Structure formats: C-alpha cells, structure tokens
Amino acid sequence: SAPIAAFFMGWPHYALALAIMAALVLWRHRA
C-alpha cells in the first residue's frame, strides 16, 4: 500500500523507493 499511497497522494517521487522496499518485504516473506 505504501508506494500506491505515495503515488496517488502527492508524493510520486517517493513511490519507486517505496516499491523497492515493498518488493524486499515480499521477498523476505517468501516462506
């Protein structure tokens, strides 16, 4: 939800970094 919120709530410049963070969190949750 974080990169989506950033993109649509007025902080699109943060969205890419937050998307990478989200991908890392998902990878850490692969099990």
PDB file of all heavy atoms in Angstrom:
ATOM      1  N   SER A   1       0.811  -1.221   0.000  1.00  0.00           N
ATOM      2  CA  SER A   1       0.000   0.000   0.000  1.00  0.00           C
ATOM      3  C   SER A   1       0.845   1.272   0.000  1.00  0.00           C
ATOM      4  O   SER A   1       0.399   2.323  -0.467  1.00  0.00           O
ATOM      5  CB  SER A   1      -0.935   0.014   1.215  1.00  0.00           C
ATOM      6  OG  SER A   1      -0.235   0.335   2.418  1.00  0.00           O
ATOM      7  N   ALA A   2       2.075   1.201   0.516  1.00  0.00           N
ATOM      8  CA  ALA A   2       2.879   2.408   0.688  1.00  0.00           C
ATOM      9  C   ALA A   2       3.227   3.093  -0.634  1.00  0.00           C
ATOM     10  O   ALA A   2       2.991   4.308  -0.776  1.00  0.00           O
ATOM     11  CB  ALA A   2       4.143   2.089   1.486  1.00  0.00           C
ATOM     12  N   PRO A   3       3.798   2.386  -1.619  1.00  0.00           N
ATOM     13  CA  PRO A   3       4.096   3.091  -2.877  1.00  0.00           C
ATOM     14  C   PRO A   3       2.845   3.555  -3.612  1.00  0.00           C
ATOM     15  O   PRO A   3       2.861   4.600  -4.281  1.00  0.00           O
ATOM     16  CB  PRO A   3       4.870   2.038  -3.696  1.00  0.00           C
ATOM     17  CG  PRO A   3       4.504   0.729  -3.099  1.00  0.00           C
ATOM     18  CD  PRO A   3       4.277   1.001  -1.644  1.00  0.00           C
ATOM     19  N   ILE A   4       1.755   2.809  -3.475  1.00  0.00           N
ATOM     20  CA  ILE A   4       0.497   3.213  -4.112  1.00  0.00           C
ATOM     21  C   ILE A   4      -0.006   4.509  -3.481  1.00  0.00           C
ATOM     22  O   ILE A   4      -0.401   5.449  -4.182  1.00  0.00           O
ATOM     23  CB  ILE A   4      -0.551   2.098  -3.982  1.00  0.00           C
ATOM     24  CG1 ILE A   4      -0.082   0.850  -4.745  1.00  0.00           C
ATOM     25  CG2 ILE A   4      -1.908   2.562  -4.506  1.00  0.00           C
ATOM     26  CD1 ILE A   4      -0.948  -0.371  -4.510  1.00  0.00           C
ATOM     27  N   ALA A   5       0.044   4.564  -2.146  1.00  0.00           N
ATOM     28  CA  ALA A   5      -0.388   5.778  -1.443  1.00  0.00           C
ATOM     29  C   ALA A   5       0.489   6.961  -1.825  1.00  0.00           C
ATOM     30  O   ALA A   5      -0.006   8.071  -2.058  1.00  0.00           O
ATOM     31  CB  ALA A   5      -0.350   5.550   0.067  1.00  0.00           C
ATOM     32  N   ALA A   6       1.800   6.730  -1.889  1.00  0.00           N
ATOM     33  CA  ALA A   6       2.712   7.825  -2.244  1.00  0.00           C
ATOM     34  C   ALA A   6       2.399   8.366  -3.633  1.00  0.00           C
ATOM     35  O   ALA A   6       2.362   9.584  -3.847  1.00  0.00           O
ATOM     36  CB  ALA A   6       4.154   7.326  -2.186  1.00  0.00           C
ATOM     37  N   PHE A   7       2.152   7.474  -4.557  1.00  0.00           N
ATOM     38  CA  PHE A   7       1.908   7.883  -5.946  1.00  0.00           C
ATOM     39  C   PHE A   7       0.635   8.701  -6.083  1.00  0.00           C
ATOM     40  O   PHE A   7       0.610   9.724  -6.770  1.00  0.00           O
ATOM     41  CB  PHE A   7       1.850   6.652  -6.849  1.00  0.00           C
ATOM     42  CG  PHE A   7       1.762   6.990  -8.312  1.00  0.00           C
ATOM     43  CD1 PHE A   7       2.903   7.301  -9.029  1.00  0.00           C
ATOM     44  CD2 PHE A   7       0.540   7.013  -8.967  1.00  0.00           C
ATOM     45  CE1 PHE A   7       2.833   7.630 -10.383  1.00  0.00           C
ATOM     46  CE2 PHE A   7       0.453   7.331 -10.314  1.00  0.00           C
ATOM     47  CZ  PHE A   7       1.601   7.643 -11.028  1.00  0.00           C
ATOM     48  N   PHE A   8      -0.431   8.251  -5.408  1.00  0.00           N
ATOM     49  CA  PHE A   8      -1.730   8.892  -5.598  1.00  0.00           C
ATOM     50  C   PHE A   8      -2.019  10.027  -4.609  1.00  0.00           C
ATOM     51  O   PHE A   8      -2.972  10.778  -4.815  1.00  0.00           O
ATOM     52  CB  PHE A   8      -2.853   7.847  -5.516  1.00  0.00           C
ATOM     53  CG  PHE A   8      -2.924   6.951  -6.726  1.00  0.00           C
ATOM     54  CD1 PHE A   8      -2.474   5.652  -6.665  1.00  0.00           C
ATOM     55  CD2 PHE A   8      -3.409   7.430  -7.931  1.00  0.00           C
ATOM     56  CE1 PHE A   8      -2.532   4.822  -7.781  1.00  0.00           C
ATOM     57  CE2 PHE A   8      -3.470   6.617  -9.055  1.00  0.00           C
ATOM     58  CZ  PHE A   8      -3.023   5.311  -8.979  1.00  0.00           C
ATOM     59  N   MET A   9      -1.201  10.164  -3.562  1.00  0.00           N
ATOM     60  CA  MET A   9      -1.475  11.191  -2.560  1.00  0.00           C
ATOM     61  C   MET A   9      -0.554  12.401  -2.686  1.00  0.00           C
ATOM     62  O   MET A   9      -0.562  13.275  -1.812  1.00  0.00           O
ATOM     63  CB  MET A   9      -1.386  10.589  -1.159  1.00  0.00           C
ATOM     64  CG  MET A   9      -2.435   9.514  -0.897  1.00  0.00           C
ATOM     65  SD  MET A   9      -2.283   8.749   0.741  1.00  0.00           S
ATOM     66  CE  MET A   9      -2.971  10.047   1.776  1.00  0.00           C
ATOM     67  N   GLY A  10       0.252  12.451  -3.759  1.00  0.00           N
ATOM     68  CA  GLY A  10       1.034  13.661  -3.995  1.00  0.00           C
ATOM     69  C   GLY A  10       2.523  13.553  -3.779  1.00  0.00           C
ATOM     70  O   GLY A  10       3.230  14.564  -3.820  1.00  0.00           O
ATOM     71  N   TRP A  11       3.037  12.332  -3.560  1.00  0.00           N
ATOM     72  CA  TRP A  11       4.482  12.147  -3.388  1.00  0.00           C
ATOM     73  C   TRP A  11       4.994  11.084  -4.364  1.00  0.00           C
ATOM     74  O   TRP A  11       5.610  10.096  -3.954  1.00  0.00           O
ATOM     75  CB  TRP A  11       4.804  11.737  -1.953  1.00  0.00           C
ATOM     76  CG  TRP A  11       4.481  12.789  -0.946  1.00  0.00           C
ATOM     77  CD1 TRP A  11       5.266  13.838  -0.579  1.00  0.00           C
ATOM     78  CD2 TRP A  11       3.281  12.884  -0.157  1.00  0.00           C
ATOM     79  NE1 TRP A  11       4.645  14.589   0.384  1.00  0.00           N
ATOM     80  CE2 TRP A  11       3.417  14.030   0.667  1.00  0.00           C
ATOM     81  CE3 TRP A  11       2.117  12.127  -0.066  1.00  0.00           C
ATOM     82  CZ2 TRP A  11       2.431  14.419   1.559  1.00  0.00           C
ATOM     83  CZ3 TRP A  11       1.139  12.514   0.820  1.00  0.00           C
ATOM     84  CH2 TRP A  11       1.293  13.651   1.617  1.00  0.00           C
ATOM     85  N   PRO A  12       4.763  11.261  -5.665  1.00  0.00           N
ATOM     86  CA  PRO A  12       5.180  10.233  -6.630  1.00  0.00           C
ATOM     87  C   PRO A  12       6.692  10.019  -6.661  1.00  0.00           C
ATOM     88  O   PRO A  12       7.148   8.944  -7.059  1.00  0.00           O
ATOM     89  CB  PRO A  12       4.660  10.777  -7.967  1.00  0.00           C
ATOM     90  CG  PRO A  12       4.542  12.253  -7.756  1.00  0.00           C
ATOM     91  CD  PRO A  12       4.134  12.421  -6.324  1.00  0.00           C
ATOM     92  N   HIS A  13       7.462  11.030  -6.245  1.00  0.00           N
ATOM     93  CA  HIS A  13       8.919  10.889  -6.241  1.00  0.00           C
ATOM     94  C   HIS A  13       9.405   9.901  -5.180  1.00  0.00           C
ATOM     95  O   HIS A  13      10.561   9.485  -5.227  1.00  0.00           O
ATOM     96  CB  HIS A  13       9.581  12.260  -6.041  1.00  0.00           C
ATOM     97  CG  HIS A  13       9.072  13.026  -4.868  1.00  0.00           C
ATOM     98  ND1 HIS A  13       7.771  13.497  -4.795  1.00  0.00           N
ATOM     99  CD2 HIS A  13       9.677  13.416  -3.714  1.00  0.00           C
ATOM    100  CE1 HIS A  13       7.602  14.148  -3.647  1.00  0.00           C
ATOM    101  NE2 HIS A  13       8.726  14.098  -2.980  1.00  0.00           N
ATOM    102  N   TYR A  14       8.538   9.546  -4.230  1.00  0.00           N
ATOM    103  CA  TYR A  14       8.898   8.541  -3.226  1.00  0.00           C
ATOM    104  C   TYR A  14       8.454   7.136  -3.634  1.00  0.00           C
ATOM    105  O   TYR A  14       8.836   6.157  -3.007  1.00  0.00           O
ATOM    106  CB  TYR A  14       8.246   8.872  -1.881  1.00  0.00           C
ATOM    107  CG  TYR A  14       8.766  10.110  -1.195  1.00  0.00           C
ATOM    108  CD1 TYR A  14       7.943  10.846  -0.340  1.00  0.00           C
ATOM    109  CD2 TYR A  14      10.081  10.545  -1.379  1.00  0.00           C
ATOM    110  CE1 TYR A  14       8.415  11.985   0.306  1.00  0.00           C
ATOM    111  CE2 TYR A  14      10.548  11.684  -0.743  1.00  0.00           C
ATOM    112  CZ  TYR A  14       9.714  12.400   0.104  1.00  0.00           C
ATOM    113  OH  TYR A  14      10.185  13.518   0.750  1.00  0.00           O
ATOM    114  N   ALA A  15       7.619   7.041  -4.660  1.00  0.00           N
ATOM    115  CA  ALA A  15       6.962   5.775  -4.978  1.00  0.00           C
ATOM    116  C   ALA A  15       7.947   4.677  -5.379  1.00  0.00           C
ATOM    117  O   ALA A  15       7.792   3.514  -4.965  1.00  0.00           O
ATOM    118  CB  ALA A  15       5.914   5.976  -6.071  1.00  0.00           C
ATOM    119  N   LEU A  16       8.959   5.025  -6.173  1.00  0.00           N
ATOM    120  CA  LEU A  16       9.897   3.998  -6.642  1.00  0.00           C
ATOM    121  C   LEU A  16      10.656   3.379  -5.473  1.00  0.00           C
ATOM    122  O   LEU A  16      10.753   2.142  -5.374  1.00  0.00           O
ATOM    123  CB  LEU A  16      10.876   4.585  -7.659  1.00  0.00           C
ATOM    124  CG  LEU A  16      11.965   3.617  -8.160  1.00  0.00           C
ATOM    125  CD1 LEU A  16      11.350   2.388  -8.805  1.00  0.00           C
ATOM    126  CD2 LEU A  16      12.918   4.326  -9.117  1.00  0.00           C
ATOM    127  N   ALA A  17      11.196   4.218  -4.601  1.00  0.00           N
ATOM    128  CA  ALA A  17      11.940   3.695  -3.453  1.00  0.00           C
ATOM    129  C   ALA A  17      11.034   2.842  -2.567  1.00  0.00           C
ATOM    130  O   ALA A  17      11.436   1.769  -2.091  1.00  0.00           O
ATOM    131  CB  ALA A  17      12.549   4.842  -2.646  1.00  0.00           C
ATOM    132  N   LEU A  18       9.803   3.295  -2.356  1.00  0.00           N
ATOM    133  CA  LEU A  18       8.862   2.527  -1.537  1.00  0.00           C
ATOM    134  C   LEU A  18       8.475   1.212  -2.219  1.00  0.00           C
ATOM    135  O   LEU A  18       8.269   0.196  -1.549  1.00  0.00           O
ATOM    136  CB  LEU A  18       7.616   3.362  -1.241  1.00  0.00           C
ATOM    137  CG  LEU A  18       7.812   4.490  -0.227  1.00  0.00           C
ATOM    138  CD1 LEU A  18       6.617   5.447  -0.251  1.00  0.00           C
ATOM    139  CD2 LEU A  18       8.004   3.919   1.184  1.00  0.00           C
ATOM    140  N   ALA A  19       8.398   1.224  -3.541  1.00  0.00           N
ATOM    141  CA  ALA A  19       8.089  -0.006  -4.270  1.00  0.00           C
ATOM    142  C   ALA A  19       9.219  -1.026  -4.118  1.00  0.00           C
ATOM    143  O   ALA A  19       8.970  -2.234  -3.966  1.00  0.00           O
ATOM    144  CB  ALA A  19       7.840   0.294  -5.739  1.00  0.00           C
ATOM    145  N   ILE A  20      10.461  -0.551  -4.149  1.00  0.00           N
ATOM    146  CA  ILE A  20      11.602  -1.451  -3.950  1.00  0.00           C
ATOM    147  C   ILE A  20      11.580  -2.013  -2.527  1.00  0.00           C
ATOM    148  O   ILE A  20      11.833  -3.206  -2.312  1.00  0.00           O
ATOM    149  CB  ILE A  20      12.925  -0.720  -4.235  1.00  0.00           C
ATOM    150  CG1 ILE A  20      12.976  -0.278  -5.701  1.00  0.00           C
ATOM    151  CG2 ILE A  20      14.117  -1.616  -3.912  1.00  0.00           C
ATOM    152  CD1 ILE A  20      14.146   0.644  -6.025  1.00  0.00           C
ATOM    153  N   MET A  21      11.257  -1.158  -1.555  1.00  0.00           N
ATOM    154  CA  MET A  21      11.139  -1.626  -0.174  1.00  0.00           C
ATOM    155  C   MET A  21      10.052  -2.686  -0.047  1.00  0.00           C
ATOM    156  O   MET A  21      10.222  -3.706   0.634  1.00  0.00           O
ATOM    157  CB  MET A  21      10.837  -0.454   0.765  1.00  0.00           C
ATOM    158  CG  MET A  21      11.950   0.555   0.917  1.00  0.00           C
ATOM    159  SD  MET A  21      11.485   1.920   2.029  1.00  0.00           S
ATOM    160  CE  MET A  21      11.971   3.346   1.053  1.00  0.00           C
ATOM    161  N   ALA A  22       8.911  -2.451  -0.697  1.00  0.00           N
ATOM    162  CA  ALA A  22       7.811  -3.419  -0.655  1.00  0.00           C
ATOM    163  C   ALA A  22       8.238  -4.744  -1.276  1.00  0.00           C
ATOM    164  O   ALA A  22       7.915  -5.820  -0.743  1.00  0.00           O
ATOM    165  CB  ALA A  22       6.590  -2.853  -1.374  1.00  0.00           C
ATOM    166  N   ALA A  23       8.978  -4.672  -2.383  1.00  0.00           N
ATOM    167  CA  ALA A  23       9.457  -5.900  -3.030  1.00  0.00           C
ATOM    168  C   ALA A  23      10.394  -6.668  -2.103  1.00  0.00           C
ATOM    169  O   ALA A  23      10.338  -7.910  -2.036  1.00  0.00           O
ATOM    170  CB  ALA A  23      10.164  -5.561  -4.341  1.00  0.00           C
ATOM    171  N   LEU A  24      11.240  -5.941  -1.369  1.00  0.00           N
ATOM    172  CA  LEU A  24      12.139  -6.599  -0.419  1.00  0.00           C
ATOM    173  C   LEU A  24      11.358  -7.265   0.702  1.00  0.00           C
ATOM    174  O   LEU A  24      11.659  -8.396   1.102  1.00  0.00           O
ATOM    175  CB  LEU A  24      13.125  -5.577   0.152  1.00  0.00           C
ATOM    176  CG  LEU A  24      14.093  -6.079   1.229  1.00  0.00           C
ATOM    177  CD1 LEU A  24      14.936  -7.237   0.698  1.00  0.00           C
ATOM    178  CD2 LEU A  24      14.993  -4.940   1.717  1.00  0.00           C
ATOM    179  N   VAL A  25      10.337  -6.571   1.200  1.00  0.00           N
ATOM    180  CA  VAL A  25       9.495  -7.151   2.255  1.00  0.00           C
ATOM    181  C   VAL A  25       8.810  -8.422   1.753  1.00  0.00           C
ATOM    182  O   VAL A  25       8.758  -9.439   2.460  1.00  0.00           O
ATOM    183  CB  VAL A  25       8.458  -6.123   2.749  1.00  0.00           C
ATOM    184  CG1 VAL A  25       7.391  -6.786   3.616  1.00  0.00           C
ATOM    185  CG2 VAL A  25       9.146  -5.006   3.530  1.00  0.00           C
ATOM    186  N   LEU A  26       8.306  -8.400   0.539  1.00  0.00           N
ATOM    187  CA  LEU A  26       7.663  -9.590  -0.032  1.00  0.00           C
ATOM    188  C   LEU A  26       8.674 -10.723  -0.178  1.00  0.00           C
ATOM    189  O   LEU A  26       8.361 -11.894   0.105  1.00  0.00           O
ATOM    190  CB  LEU A  26       7.025  -9.263  -1.380  1.00  0.00           C
ATOM    191  CG  LEU A  26       5.826  -8.316  -1.357  1.00  0.00           C
ATOM    192  CD1 LEU A  26       5.338  -8.055  -2.780  1.00  0.00           C
ATOM    193  CD2 LEU A  26       4.690  -8.868  -0.514  1.00  0.00           C
ATOM    194  N   TRP A  27       9.876 -10.397  -0.629  1.00  0.00           N
ATOM    195  CA  TRP A  27      10.914 -11.427  -0.773  1.00  0.00           C
ATOM    196  C   TRP A  27      11.253 -12.041   0.574  1.00  0.00           C
ATOM    197  O   TRP A  27      11.420 -13.260   0.683  1.00  0.00           O
ATOM    198  CB  TRP A  27      12.152 -10.809  -1.407  1.00  0.00           C
ATOM    199  CG  TRP A  27      13.281 -11.797  -1.557  1.00  0.00           C
ATOM    200  CD1 TRP A  27      13.383 -12.818  -2.458  1.00  0.00           C
ATOM    201  CD2 TRP A  27      14.473 -11.836  -0.763  1.00  0.00           C
ATOM    202  NE1 TRP A  27      14.563 -13.508  -2.261  1.00  0.00           N
ATOM    203  CE2 TRP A  27      15.256 -12.919  -1.235  1.00  0.00           C
ATOM    204  CE3 TRP A  27      14.960 -11.057   0.303  1.00  0.00           C
ATOM    205  CZ2 TRP A  27      16.489 -13.247  -0.677  1.00  0.00           C
ATOM    206  CZ3 TRP A  27      16.182 -11.382   0.850  1.00  0.00           C
ATOM    207  CH2 TRP A  27      16.933 -12.466   0.365  1.00  0.00           C
ATOM    208  N   ARG A  28      11.313 -11.216   1.616  1.00  0.00           N
ATOM    209  CA  ARG A  28      11.608 -11.729   2.954  1.00  0.00           C
ATOM    210  C   ARG A  28      10.463 -12.586   3.487  1.00  0.00           C
ATOM    211  O   ARG A  28      10.663 -13.385   4.403  1.00  0.00           O
ATOM    212  CB  ARG A  28      11.877 -10.557   3.910  1.00  0.00           C
ATOM    213  CG  ARG A  28      13.136  -9.779   3.605  1.00  0.00           C
ATOM    214  CD  ARG A  28      14.384 -10.585   3.887  1.00  0.00           C
ATOM    215  NE  ARG A  28      14.552 -10.821   5.313  1.00  0.00           N
ATOM    216  CZ  ARG A  28      15.415 -11.678   5.839  1.00  0.00           C
ATOM    217  NH1 ARG A  28      16.166 -12.422   5.047  1.00  0.00           N
ATOM    218  NH2 ARG A  28      15.516 -11.824   7.142  1.00  0.00           N
ATOM    219  N   HIS A  29       9.282 -12.430   2.921  1.00  0.00           N
ATOM    220  CA  HIS A  29       8.119 -13.211   3.337  1.00  0.00           C
ATOM    221  C   HIS A  29       7.842 -14.391   2.402  1.00  0.00           C
ATOM    222  O   HIS A  29       6.753 -14.953   2.433  1.00  0.00           O
ATOM    223  CB  HIS A  29       6.863 -12.322   3.380  1.00  0.00           C
ATOM    224  CG  HIS A  29       6.762 -11.469   4.600  1.00  0.00           C
ATOM    225  ND1 HIS A  29       7.406 -10.254   4.720  1.00  0.00           N
ATOM    226  CD2 HIS A  29       6.074 -11.639   5.765  1.00  0.00           C
ATOM    227  CE1 HIS A  29       7.107  -9.709   5.897  1.00  0.00           C
ATOM    228  NE2 HIS A  29       6.312 -10.532   6.558  1.00  0.00           N
ATOM    229  N   ARG A  30       8.828 -14.787   1.580  1.00  0.00           N
ATOM    230  CA  ARG A  30       8.540 -15.813   0.580  1.00  0.00           C
ATOM    231  C   ARG A  30       8.091 -17.139   1.197  1.00  0.00           C
ATOM    232  O   ARG A  30       7.212 -17.819   0.641  1.00  0.00           O
ATOM    233  CB  ARG A  30       9.747 -16.015  -0.344  1.00  0.00           C
ATOM    234  CG  ARG A  30      11.037 -16.393   0.332  1.00  0.00           C
ATOM    235  CD  ARG A  30      12.220 -16.145  -0.611  1.00  0.00           C
ATOM    236  NE  ARG A  30      13.500 -16.563  -0.022  1.00  0.00           N
ATOM    237  CZ  ARG A  30      14.192 -15.842   0.850  1.00  0.00           C
ATOM    238  NH1 ARG A  30      13.715 -14.666   1.261  1.00  0.00           N
ATOM    239  NH2 ARG A  30      15.344 -16.292   1.310  1.00  0.00           N
ATOM    240  N   ALA A  31       8.632 -17.508   2.359  1.00  0.00           N
ATOM    241  CA  ALA A  31       8.176 -18.739   3.026  1.00  0.00           C
ATOM    242  C   ALA A  31       6.745 -18.576   3.526  1.00  0.00           C
ATOM    243  O   ALA A  31       5.939 -19.520   3.455  1.00  0.00           O
ATOM    244  CB  ALA A  31       9.108 -19.099   4.175  1.00  0.00           C
TER     245      ALA A  31
END
